[in-house]
Amino acid sequence: MRTLGDLLAIIHGDGGHHTADVGYPQSIDDAAERVCRERSGRSAADNLGGLRGMLVLHGKNGNWNSDQYAVGLFNGMEAALALLEGRDPVFRKLPGGS
């Protein structure tokens, strides 16, 4: 049966040397970064920056507060970004609404 170490060795293409050098937590983070970059042509940091930019744009007055759907869209993006940044989300609601 193959293990996580085998999968990391395949992703890093090094027979397990990277994981042995840096340990599993860092090797997993590095593998995720590599897969993300190879799939999208962008790094995880670039993708996170893109999500931040979308949240800023959608968070402008007239966008997020145009209707209940827009509030939900903003709050969903905020929840995702907060999860990735390791913080509590700051949700919005329509004035006088739920």
PDB file of N, CA and C in Angstrom:
ATOM      1  N   MET A   1       0.838  -1.178   0.000  1.00  0.00           N
ATOM      2  CA  MET A   1       0.000   0.000   0.000  1.00  0.00           C
ATOM      3  C   MET A   1       0.887   1.247   0.000  1.00  0.00           C
ATOM      4  N   ARG A   2       0.520   2.178  -0.841  1.00  0.00           N
ATOM      5  CA  ARG A   2       1.292   3.417  -0.919  1.00  0.00           C
ATOM      6  C   ARG A   2       0.929   4.341   0.229  1.00  0.00           C
ATOM      7  N   THR A   3       1.843   5.241   0.560  1.00  0.00           N
ATOM      8  CA  THR A   3       1.640   6.125   1.698  1.00  0.00           C
ATOM      9  C   THR A   3       1.709   7.586   1.266  1.00  0.00           C
ATOM     10  N   LEU A   4       1.436   8.468   2.212  1.00  0.00           N
ATOM     11  CA  LEU A   4       1.564   9.904   1.965  1.00  0.00           C
ATOM     12  C   LEU A   4       2.987  10.236   1.524  1.00  0.00           C
ATOM     13  N   GLY A   5       3.955   9.589   2.142  1.00  0.00           N
ATOM     14  CA  GLY A   5       5.347   9.825   1.764  1.00  0.00           C
ATOM     15  C   GLY A   5       5.610   9.490   0.303  1.00  0.00           C
ATOM     16  N   ASP A   6       4.986   8.417  -0.178  1.00  0.00           N
ATOM     17  CA  ASP A   6       5.134   8.046  -1.596  1.00  0.00           C
ATOM     18  C   ASP A   6       4.549   9.126  -2.500  1.00  0.00           C
ATOM     19  N   LEU A   7       3.366   9.622  -2.124  1.00  0.00           N
ATOM     20  CA  LEU A   7       2.713  10.663  -2.924  1.00  0.00           C
ATOM     21  C   LEU A   7       3.557  11.932  -2.944  1.00  0.00           C
ATOM     22  N   LEU A   8       4.084  12.324  -1.789  1.00  0.00           N
ATOM     23  CA  LEU A   8       4.935  13.519  -1.736  1.00  0.00           C
ATOM     24  C   LEU A   8       6.198  13.330  -2.569  1.00  0.00           C
ATOM     25  N   ALA A   9       6.763  12.137  -2.536  1.00  0.00           N
ATOM     26  CA  ALA A   9       7.955  11.869  -3.341  1.00  0.00           C
ATOM     27  C   ALA A   9       7.647  12.001  -4.828  1.00  0.00           C
ATOM     28  N   ILE A  10       6.460  11.562  -5.242  1.00  0.00           N
ATOM     29  CA  ILE A  10       6.062  11.692  -6.651  1.00  0.00           C
ATOM     30  C   ILE A  10       5.884  13.162  -7.006  1.00  0.00           C
ATOM     31  N   ILE A  11       5.194  13.910  -6.151  1.00  0.00           N
ATOM     32  CA  ILE A  11       4.956  15.337  -6.436  1.00  0.00           C
ATOM     33  C   ILE A  11       6.281  16.093  -6.494  1.00  0.00           C
ATOM     34  N   HIS A  12       7.157  15.848  -5.519  1.00  0.00           N
ATOM     35  CA  HIS A  12       8.440  16.554  -5.495  1.00  0.00           C
ATOM     36  C   HIS A  12       9.443  15.964  -6.482  1.00  0.00           C
ATOM     37  N   GLY A  13       9.176  14.738  -6.939  1.00  0.00           N
ATOM     38  CA  GLY A  13      10.050  14.104  -7.924  1.00  0.00           C
ATOM     39  C   GLY A  13      11.452  13.829  -7.394  1.00  0.00           C
ATOM     40  N   ASP A  14      11.524  13.452  -6.102  1.00  0.00           N
ATOM     41  CA  ASP A  14      12.859  13.325  -5.514  1.00  0.00           C
ATOM     42  C   ASP A  14      13.071  12.066  -4.687  1.00  0.00           C
ATOM     43  N   GLY A  15      12.163  11.118  -4.788  1.00  0.00           N
ATOM     44  CA  GLY A  15      12.321   9.880  -4.038  1.00  0.00           C
ATOM     45  C   GLY A  15      12.166  10.029  -2.531  1.00  0.00           C
ATOM     46  N   GLY A  16      11.605  11.143  -2.072  1.00  0.00           N
ATOM     47  CA  GLY A  16      11.359  11.341  -0.653  1.00  0.00           C
ATOM     48  C   GLY A  16      12.374  12.191   0.073  1.00  0.00           C
ATOM     49  N   HIS A  17      13.371  12.704  -0.637  1.00  0.00           N
ATOM     50  CA  HIS A  17      14.433  13.480   0.011  1.00  0.00           C
ATOM     51  C   HIS A  17      13.922  14.797   0.596  1.00  0.00           C
ATOM     52  N   HIS A  18      13.041  15.484  -0.120  1.00  0.00           N
ATOM     53  CA  HIS A  18      12.529  16.769   0.384  1.00  0.00           C
ATOM     54  C   HIS A  18      11.789  16.571   1.705  1.00  0.00           C
ATOM     55  N   THR A  19      10.923  15.578   1.760  1.00  0.00           N
ATOM     56  CA  THR A  19      10.169  15.303   2.985  1.00  0.00           C
ATOM     57  C   THR A  19      11.118  14.935   4.123  1.00  0.00           C
ATOM     58  N   ALA A  20      12.135  14.168   3.835  1.00  0.00           N
ATOM     59  CA  ALA A  20      13.112  13.798   4.858  1.00  0.00           C
ATOM     60  C   ALA A  20      13.857  15.028   5.378  1.00  0.00           C
ATOM     61  N   ASP A  21      14.114  15.983   4.497  1.00  0.00           N
ATOM     62  CA  ASP A  21      14.860  17.187   4.881  1.00  0.00           C
ATOM     63  C   ASP A  21      14.022  18.175   5.678  1.00  0.00           C
ATOM     64  N   VAL A  22      12.745  18.361   5.286  1.00  0.00           N
ATOM     65  CA  VAL A  22      11.950  19.442   5.898  1.00  0.00           C
ATOM     66  C   VAL A  22      10.822  18.936   6.785  1.00  0.00           C
ATOM     67  N   GLY A  23      10.500  17.663   6.744  1.00  0.00           N
ATOM     68  CA  GLY A  23       9.406  17.108   7.534  1.00  0.00           C
ATOM     69  C   GLY A  23       8.084  17.159   6.780  1.00  0.00           C
ATOM     70  N   TYR A  24       7.129  16.390   7.295  1.00  0.00           N
ATOM     71  CA  TYR A  24       5.843  16.261   6.606  1.00  0.00           C
ATOM     72  C   TYR A  24       5.057  17.571   6.485  1.00  0.00           C
ATOM     73  N   PRO A  25       4.886  18.356   7.552  1.00  0.00           N
ATOM     74  CA  PRO A  25       4.062  19.568   7.407  1.00  0.00           C
ATOM     75  C   PRO A  25       4.569  20.503   6.306  1.00  0.00           C
ATOM     76  N   GLN A  26       5.874  20.775   6.286  1.00  0.00           N
ATOM     77  CA  GLN A  26       6.423  21.671   5.267  1.00  0.00           C
ATOM     78  C   GLN A  26       6.370  21.028   3.884  1.00  0.00           C
ATOM     79  N   SER A  27       6.639  19.742   3.815  1.00  0.00           N
ATOM     80  CA  SER A  27       6.595  19.048   2.538  1.00  0.00           C
ATOM     81  C   SER A  27       5.191  19.072   1.939  1.00  0.00           C
ATOM     82  N   ILE A  28       4.182  18.915   2.799  1.00  0.00           N
ATOM     83  CA  ILE A  28       2.783  18.978   2.335  1.00  0.00           C
ATOM     84  C   ILE A  28       2.477  20.367   1.813  1.00  0.00           C
ATOM     85  N   ASP A  29       2.874  21.399   2.561  1.00  0.00           N
ATOM     86  CA  ASP A  29       2.649  22.781   2.101  1.00  0.00           C
ATOM     87  C   ASP A  29       3.350  23.027   0.772  1.00  0.00           C
ATOM     88  N   ASP A  30       4.588  22.579   0.651  1.00  0.00           N
ATOM     89  CA  ASP A  30       5.339  22.766  -0.592  1.00  0.00           C
ATOM     90  C   ASP A  30       4.696  22.022  -1.752  1.00  0.00           C
ATOM     91  N   ALA A  31       4.185  20.826  -1.484  1.00  0.00           N
ATOM     92  CA  ALA A  31       3.521  20.046  -2.531  1.00  0.00           C
ATOM     93  C   ALA A  31       2.243  20.737  -2.992  1.00  0.00           C
ATOM     94  N   ALA A  32       1.475  21.270  -2.039  1.00  0.00           N
ATOM     95  CA  ALA A  32       0.247  21.976  -2.398  1.00  0.00           C
ATOM     96  C   ALA A  32       0.563  23.187  -3.269  1.00  0.00           C
ATOM     97  N   GLU A  33       1.596  23.915  -2.908  1.00  0.00           N
ATOM     98  CA  GLU A  33       2.029  25.084  -3.688  1.00  0.00           C
ATOM     99  C   GLU A  33       2.429  24.661  -5.106  1.00  0.00           C
ATOM    100  N   ARG A  34       3.177  23.586  -5.186  1.00  0.00           N
ATOM    101  CA  ARG A  34       3.641  23.117  -6.496  1.00  0.00           C
ATOM    102  C   ARG A  34       2.473  22.685  -7.388  1.00  0.00           C
ATOM    103  N   VAL A  35       1.551  21.922  -6.820  1.00  0.00           N
ATOM    104  CA  VAL A  35       0.392  21.453  -7.590  1.00  0.00           C
ATOM    105  C   VAL A  35      -0.459  22.639  -8.033  1.00  0.00           C
ATOM    106  N   CYS A  36      -0.682  23.578  -7.132  1.00  0.00           N
ATOM    107  CA  CYS A  36      -1.474  24.762  -7.466  1.00  0.00           C
ATOM    108  C   CYS A  36      -0.826  25.538  -8.609  1.00  0.00           C
ATOM    109  N   ARG A  37       0.477  25.752  -8.524  1.00  0.00           N
ATOM    110  CA  ARG A  37       1.193  26.500  -9.556  1.00  0.00           C
ATOM    111  C   ARG A  37       1.155  25.772 -10.894  1.00  0.00           C
ATOM    112  N   GLU A  38       1.344  24.458 -10.849  1.00  0.00           N
ATOM    113  CA  GLU A  38       1.367  23.702 -12.092  1.00  0.00           C
ATOM    114  C   GLU A  38      -0.009  23.611 -12.742  1.00  0.00           C
ATOM    115  N   ARG A  39      -1.059  23.556 -11.930  1.00  0.00           N
ATOM    116  CA  ARG A  39      -2.418  23.483 -12.475  1.00  0.00           C
ATOM    117  C   ARG A  39      -2.870  24.809 -13.067  1.00  0.00           C
ATOM    118  N   SER A  40      -2.550  25.877 -12.395  1.00  0.00           N
ATOM    119  CA  SER A  40      -3.091  27.169 -12.806  1.00  0.00           C
ATOM    120  C   SER A  40      -2.063  28.086 -13.450  1.00  0.00           C
ATOM    121  N   GLY A  41      -0.800  27.733 -13.349  1.00  0.00           N
ATOM    122  CA  GLY A  41       0.238  28.630 -13.824  1.00  0.00           C
ATOM    123  C   GLY A  41       0.493  29.763 -12.840  1.00  0.00           C
ATOM    124  N   ARG A  42      -0.170  29.702 -11.687  1.00  0.00           N
ATOM    125  CA  ARG A  42      -0.031  30.735 -10.667  1.00  0.00           C
ATOM    126  C   ARG A  42       0.242  30.075  -9.323  1.00  0.00           C
ATOM    127  N   SER A  43       0.894  30.804  -8.449  1.00  0.00           N
ATOM    128  CA  SER A  43       1.173  30.272  -7.121  1.00  0.00           C
ATOM    129  C   SER A  43      -0.062  30.423  -6.234  1.00  0.00           C
ATOM    130  N   ALA A  44      -0.053  29.726  -5.110  1.00  0.00           N
ATOM    131  CA  ALA A  44      -1.149  29.855  -4.144  1.00  0.00           C
ATOM    132  C   ALA A  44      -1.245  31.292  -3.651  1.00  0.00           C
ATOM    133  N   ALA A  45      -0.099  31.957  -3.461  1.00  0.00           N
ATOM    134  CA  ALA A  45      -0.106  33.359  -3.017  1.00  0.00           C
ATOM    135  C   ALA A  45      -0.770  34.248  -4.070  1.00  0.00           C
ATOM    136  N   ASP A  46      -0.501  33.983  -5.346  1.00  0.00           N
ATOM    137  CA  ASP A  46      -1.150  34.752  -6.415  1.00  0.00           C
ATOM    138  C   ASP A  46      -2.660  34.539  -6.387  1.00  0.00           C
ATOM    139  N   ASN A  47      -3.077  33.276  -6.210  1.00  0.00           N
ATOM    140  CA  ASN A  47      -4.509  32.975  -6.166  1.00  0.00           C
ATOM    141  C   ASN A  47      -5.175  33.625  -4.962  1.00  0.00           C
ATOM    142  N   LEU A  48      -4.493  33.628  -3.830  1.00  0.00           N
ATOM    143  CA  LEU A  48      -5.014  34.277  -2.635  1.00  0.00           C
ATOM    144  C   LEU A  48      -5.136  35.779  -2.868  1.00  0.00           C
ATOM    145  N   GLY A  49      -4.151  36.361  -3.515  1.00  0.00           N
ATOM    146  CA  GLY A  49      -4.213  37.782  -3.857  1.00  0.00           C
ATOM    147  C   GLY A  49      -5.375  38.083  -4.790  1.00  0.00           C
ATOM    148  N   GLY A  50      -5.640  37.178  -5.721  1.00  0.00           N
ATOM    149  CA  GLY A  50      -6.781  37.354  -6.622  1.00  0.00           C
ATOM    150  C   GLY A  50      -8.100  37.328  -5.875  1.00  0.00           C
ATOM    151  N   LEU A  51      -8.214  36.420  -4.902  1.00  0.00           N
ATOM    152  CA  LEU A  51      -9.431  36.354  -4.095  1.00  0.00           C
ATOM    153  C   LEU A  51      -9.592  37.629  -3.275  1.00  0.00           C
ATOM    154  N   ARG A  52      -8.495  38.132  -2.709  1.00  0.00           N
ATOM    155  CA  ARG A  52      -8.553  39.396  -1.964  1.00  0.00           C
ATOM    156  C   ARG A  52      -9.046  40.524  -2.870  1.00  0.00           C
ATOM    157  N   GLY A  53      -8.522  40.573  -4.085  1.00  0.00           N
ATOM    158  CA  GLY A  53      -8.926  41.613  -5.027  1.00  0.00           C
ATOM    159  C   GLY A  53     -10.401  41.532  -5.382  1.00  0.00           C
ATOM    160  N   MET A  54     -10.903  40.309  -5.584  1.00  0.00           N
ATOM    161  CA  MET A  54     -12.331  40.152  -5.883  1.00  0.00           C
ATOM    162  C   MET A  54     -13.176  40.601  -4.703  1.00  0.00           C
ATOM    163  N   LEU A  55     -12.718  40.285  -3.492  1.00  0.00           N
ATOM    164  CA  LEU A  55     -13.471  40.671  -2.297  1.00  0.00           C
ATOM    165  C   LEU A  55     -13.488  42.191  -2.144  1.00  0.00           C
ATOM    166  N   VAL A  56     -12.381  42.847  -2.409  1.00  0.00           N
ATOM    167  CA  VAL A  56     -12.332  44.316  -2.333  1.00  0.00           C
ATOM    168  C   VAL A  56     -13.301  44.918  -3.351  1.00  0.00           C
ATOM    169  N   LEU A  57     -13.264  44.418  -4.576  1.00  0.00           N
ATOM    170  CA  LEU A  57     -14.155  44.941  -5.612  1.00  0.00           C
ATOM    171  C   LEU A  57     -15.617  44.702  -5.264  1.00  0.00           C
ATOM    172  N   HIS A  58     -15.937  43.482  -4.869  1.00  0.00           N
ATOM    173  CA  HIS A  58     -17.331  43.172  -4.554  1.00  0.00           C
ATOM    174  C   HIS A  58     -17.768  43.845  -3.253  1.00  0.00           C
ATOM    175  N   GLY A  59     -16.804  44.215  -2.398  1.00  0.00           N
ATOM    176  CA  GLY A  59     -17.114  44.858  -1.133  1.00  0.00           C
ATOM    177  C   GLY A  59     -17.405  46.345  -1.239  1.00  0.00           C
ATOM    178  N   LYS A  60     -17.302  46.896  -2.438  1.00  0.00           N
ATOM    179  CA  LYS A  60     -17.587  48.319  -2.619  1.00  0.00           C
ATOM    180  C   LYS A  60     -19.090  48.578  -2.527  1.00  0.00           C
ATOM    181  N   ASN A  61     -19.405  49.753  -2.007  1.00  0.00           N
ATOM    182  CA  ASN A  61     -20.795  50.168  -1.876  1.00  0.00           C
ATOM    183  C   ASN A  61     -21.489  50.118  -3.241  1.00  0.00           C
ATOM    184  N   GLY A  62     -22.655  49.541  -3.279  1.00  0.00           N
ATOM    185  CA  GLY A  62     -23.386  49.374  -4.533  1.00  0.00           C
ATOM    186  C   GLY A  62     -23.195  47.996  -5.147  1.00  0.00           C
ATOM    187  N   ASN A  63     -22.161  47.290  -4.726  1.00  0.00           N
ATOM    188  CA  ASN A  63     -21.951  45.916  -5.188  1.00  0.00           C
ATOM    189  C   ASN A  63     -22.470  44.934  -4.148  1.00  0.00           C
ATOM    190  N   TRP A  64     -21.822  44.910  -2.989  1.00  0.00           N
ATOM    191  CA  TRP A  64     -22.193  43.939  -1.958  1.00  0.00           C
ATOM    192  C   TRP A  64     -23.586  44.170  -1.419  1.00  0.00           C
ATOM    193  N   ASN A  65     -24.041  45.415  -1.413  1.00  0.00           N
ATOM    194  CA  ASN A  65     -25.309  45.743  -0.760  1.00  0.00           C
ATOM    195  C   ASN A  65     -26.440  46.029  -1.746  1.00  0.00           C
ATOM    196  N   SER A  66     -26.330  45.495  -2.956  1.00  0.00           N
ATOM    197  CA  SER A  66     -27.387  45.736  -3.945  1.00  0.00           C
ATOM    198  C   SER A  66     -28.609  44.860  -3.709  1.00  0.00           C
ATOM    199  N   ASP A  67     -28.427  43.672  -3.170  1.00  0.00           N
ATOM    200  CA  ASP A  67     -29.550  42.787  -2.832  1.00  0.00           C
ATOM    201  C   ASP A  67     -29.038  41.649  -1.949  1.00  0.00           C
ATOM    202  N   GLN A  68     -29.949  40.816  -1.499  1.00  0.00           N
ATOM    203  CA  GLN A  68     -29.580  39.738  -0.573  1.00  0.00           C
ATOM    204  C   GLN A  68     -28.619  38.746  -1.220  1.00  0.00           C
ATOM    205  N   TYR A  69     -28.765  38.487  -2.506  1.00  0.00           N
ATOM    206  CA  TYR A  69     -27.858  37.570  -3.203  1.00  0.00           C
ATOM    207  C   TYR A  69     -26.435  38.119  -3.158  1.00  0.00           C
ATOM    208  N   ALA A  70     -26.282  39.404  -3.421  1.00  0.00           N
ATOM    209  CA  ALA A  70     -24.958  40.028  -3.419  1.00  0.00           C
ATOM    210  C   ALA A  70     -24.323  39.971  -2.033  1.00  0.00           C
ATOM    211  N   VAL A  71     -25.134  40.139  -0.989  1.00  0.00           N
ATOM    212  CA  VAL A  71     -24.623  40.023   0.376  1.00  0.00           C
ATOM    213  C   VAL A  71     -24.123  38.595   0.613  1.00  0.00           C
ATOM    214  N   GLY A  72     -24.884  37.614   0.179  1.00  0.00           N
ATOM    215  CA  GLY A  72     -24.481  36.223   0.331  1.00  0.00           C
ATOM    216  C   GLY A  72     -23.206  35.906  -0.431  1.00  0.00           C
ATOM    217  N   LEU A  73     -23.072  36.458  -1.618  1.00  0.00           N
ATOM    218  CA  LEU A  73     -21.862  36.256  -2.408  1.00  0.00           C
ATOM    219  C   LEU A  73     -20.654  36.849  -1.684  1.00  0.00           C
ATOM    220  N   PHE A  74     -20.816  38.079  -1.184  1.00  0.00           N
ATOM    221  CA  PHE A  74     -19.728  38.705  -0.436  1.00  0.00           C
ATOM    222  C   PHE A  74     -19.358  37.859   0.780  1.00  0.00           C
ATOM    223  N   ASN A  75     -20.355  37.452   1.541  1.00  0.00           N
ATOM    224  CA  ASN A  75     -20.094  36.687   2.761  1.00  0.00           C
ATOM    225  C   ASN A  75     -19.449  35.338   2.471  1.00  0.00           C
ATOM    226  N   GLY A  76     -19.802  34.711   1.367  1.00  0.00           N
ATOM    227  CA  GLY A  76     -19.164  33.455   0.981  1.00  0.00           C
ATOM    228  C   GLY A  76     -17.696  33.644   0.638  1.00  0.00           C
ATOM    229  N   MET A  77     -17.393  34.712  -0.114  1.00  0.00           N
ATOM    230  CA  MET A  77     -15.995  34.996  -0.435  1.00  0.00           C
ATOM    231  C   MET A  77     -15.223  35.364   0.828  1.00  0.00           C
ATOM    232  N   GLU A  78     -15.846  36.130   1.720  1.00  0.00           N
ATOM    233  CA  GLU A  78     -15.204  36.497   2.981  1.00  0.00           C
ATOM    234  C   GLU A  78     -14.922  35.264   3.822  1.00  0.00           C
ATOM    235  N   ALA A  79     -15.858  34.330   3.866  1.00  0.00           N
ATOM    236  CA  ALA A  79     -15.654  33.101   4.632  1.00  0.00           C
ATOM    237  C   ALA A  79     -14.477  32.303   4.074  1.00  0.00           C
ATOM    238  N   ALA A  80     -14.399  32.189   2.752  1.00  0.00           N
ATOM    239  CA  ALA A  80     -13.303  31.446   2.121  1.00  0.00           C
ATOM    240  C   ALA A  80     -11.959  32.115   2.405  1.00  0.00           C
ATOM    241  N   LEU A  81     -11.899  33.433   2.238  1.00  0.00           N
ATOM    242  CA  LEU A  81     -10.652  34.153   2.462  1.00  0.00           C
ATOM    243  C   LEU A  81     -10.225  34.070   3.927  1.00  0.00           C
ATOM    244  N   ALA A  82     -11.177  34.229   4.833  1.00  0.00           N
ATOM    245  CA  ALA A  82     -10.860  34.148   6.266  1.00  0.00           C
ATOM    246  C   ALA A  82     -10.321  32.768   6.620  1.00  0.00           C
ATOM    247  N   LEU A  83     -10.901  31.727   6.057  1.00  0.00           N
ATOM    248  CA  LEU A  83     -10.424  30.368   6.301  1.00  0.00           C
ATOM    249  C   LEU A  83      -8.984  30.215   5.839  1.00  0.00           C
ATOM    250  N   LEU A  84      -8.689  30.707   4.652  1.00  0.00           N
ATOM    251  CA  LEU A  84      -7.338  30.591   4.106  1.00  0.00           C
ATOM    252  C   LEU A  84      -6.332  31.444   4.862  1.00  0.00           C
ATOM    253  N   GLU A  85      -6.799  32.565   5.423  1.00  0.00           N
ATOM    254  CA  GLU A  85      -5.910  33.458   6.172  1.00  0.00           C
ATOM    255  C   GLU A  85      -5.838  33.109   7.658  1.00  0.00           C
ATOM    256  N   GLY A  86      -6.651  32.155   8.089  1.00  0.00           N
ATOM    257  CA  GLY A  86      -6.630  31.738   9.484  1.00  0.00           C
ATOM    258  C   GLY A  86      -7.204  32.764  10.441  1.00  0.00           C
ATOM    259  N   ARG A  87      -8.262  33.420  10.033  1.00  0.00           N
ATOM    260  CA  ARG A  87      -8.902  34.434  10.879  1.00  0.00           C
ATOM    261  C   ARG A  87     -10.399  34.216  10.873  1.00  0.00           C
ATOM    262  N   ASP A  88     -11.099  34.931  11.765  1.00  0.00           N
ATOM    263  CA  ASP A  88     -12.555  34.870  11.789  1.00  0.00           C
ATOM    264  C   ASP A  88     -13.115  35.770  10.689  1.00  0.00           C
ATOM    265  N   PRO A  89     -14.141  35.317   9.980  1.00  0.00           N
ATOM    266  CA  PRO A  89     -14.733  36.154   8.927  1.00  0.00           C
ATOM    267  C   PRO A  89     -15.490  37.341   9.527  1.00  0.00           C
ATOM    268  N   VAL A  90     -15.544  38.412   8.763  1.00  0.00           N
ATOM    269  CA  VAL A  90     -16.325  39.594   9.131  1.00  0.00           C
ATOM    270  C   VAL A  90     -17.466  39.684   8.118  1.00  0.00           C
ATOM    271  N   PHE A  91     -18.626  39.175   8.518  1.00  0.00           N
ATOM    272  CA  PHE A  91     -19.770  39.125   7.621  1.00  0.00           C
ATOM    273  C   PHE A  91     -20.511  40.457   7.594  1.00  0.00           C
ATOM    274  N   ARG A  92     -21.191  40.690   6.507  1.00  0.00           N
ATOM    275  CA  ARG A  92     -22.001  41.879   6.341  1.00  0.00           C
ATOM    276  C   ARG A  92     -23.461  41.476   6.201  1.00  0.00           C
ATOM    277  N   LYS A  93     -24.336  42.422   6.483  1.00  0.00           N
ATOM    278  CA  LYS A  93     -25.758  42.222   6.234  1.00  0.00           C
ATOM    279  C   LYS A  93     -26.337  43.545   5.749  1.00  0.00           C
ATOM    280  N   LEU A  94     -27.417  43.453   5.017  1.00  0.00           N
ATOM    281  CA  LEU A  94     -28.068  44.643   4.510  1.00  0.00           C
ATOM    282  C   LEU A  94     -28.576  45.493   5.664  1.00  0.00           C
ATOM    283  N   PRO A  95     -28.432  46.796   5.565  1.00  0.00           N
ATOM    284  CA  PRO A  95     -28.982  47.652   6.625  1.00  0.00           C
ATOM    285  C   PRO A  95     -30.487  47.384   6.784  1.00  0.00           C
ATOM    286  N   GLY A  96     -30.890  47.157   8.018  1.00  0.00           N
ATOM    287  CA  GLY A  96     -32.292  46.884   8.301  1.00  0.00           C
ATOM    288  C   GLY A  96     -32.750  45.498   7.871  1.00  0.00           C
ATOM    289  N   GLY A  97     -31.821  44.677   7.358  1.00  0.00           N
ATOM    290  CA  GLY A  97     -32.195  43.339   6.894  1.00  0.00           C
ATOM    291  C   GLY A  97     -31.526  42.279   7.720  1.00  0.00           C
ATOM    292  N   SER A  98     -31.632  41.063   7.233  1.00  0.00           N
ATOM    293  CA  SER A  98     -31.020  39.947   7.962  1.00  0.00           C
ATOM    294  C   SER A  98     -29.706  39.558   7.353  1.00  0.00           C
TER     295      SER A  98
END
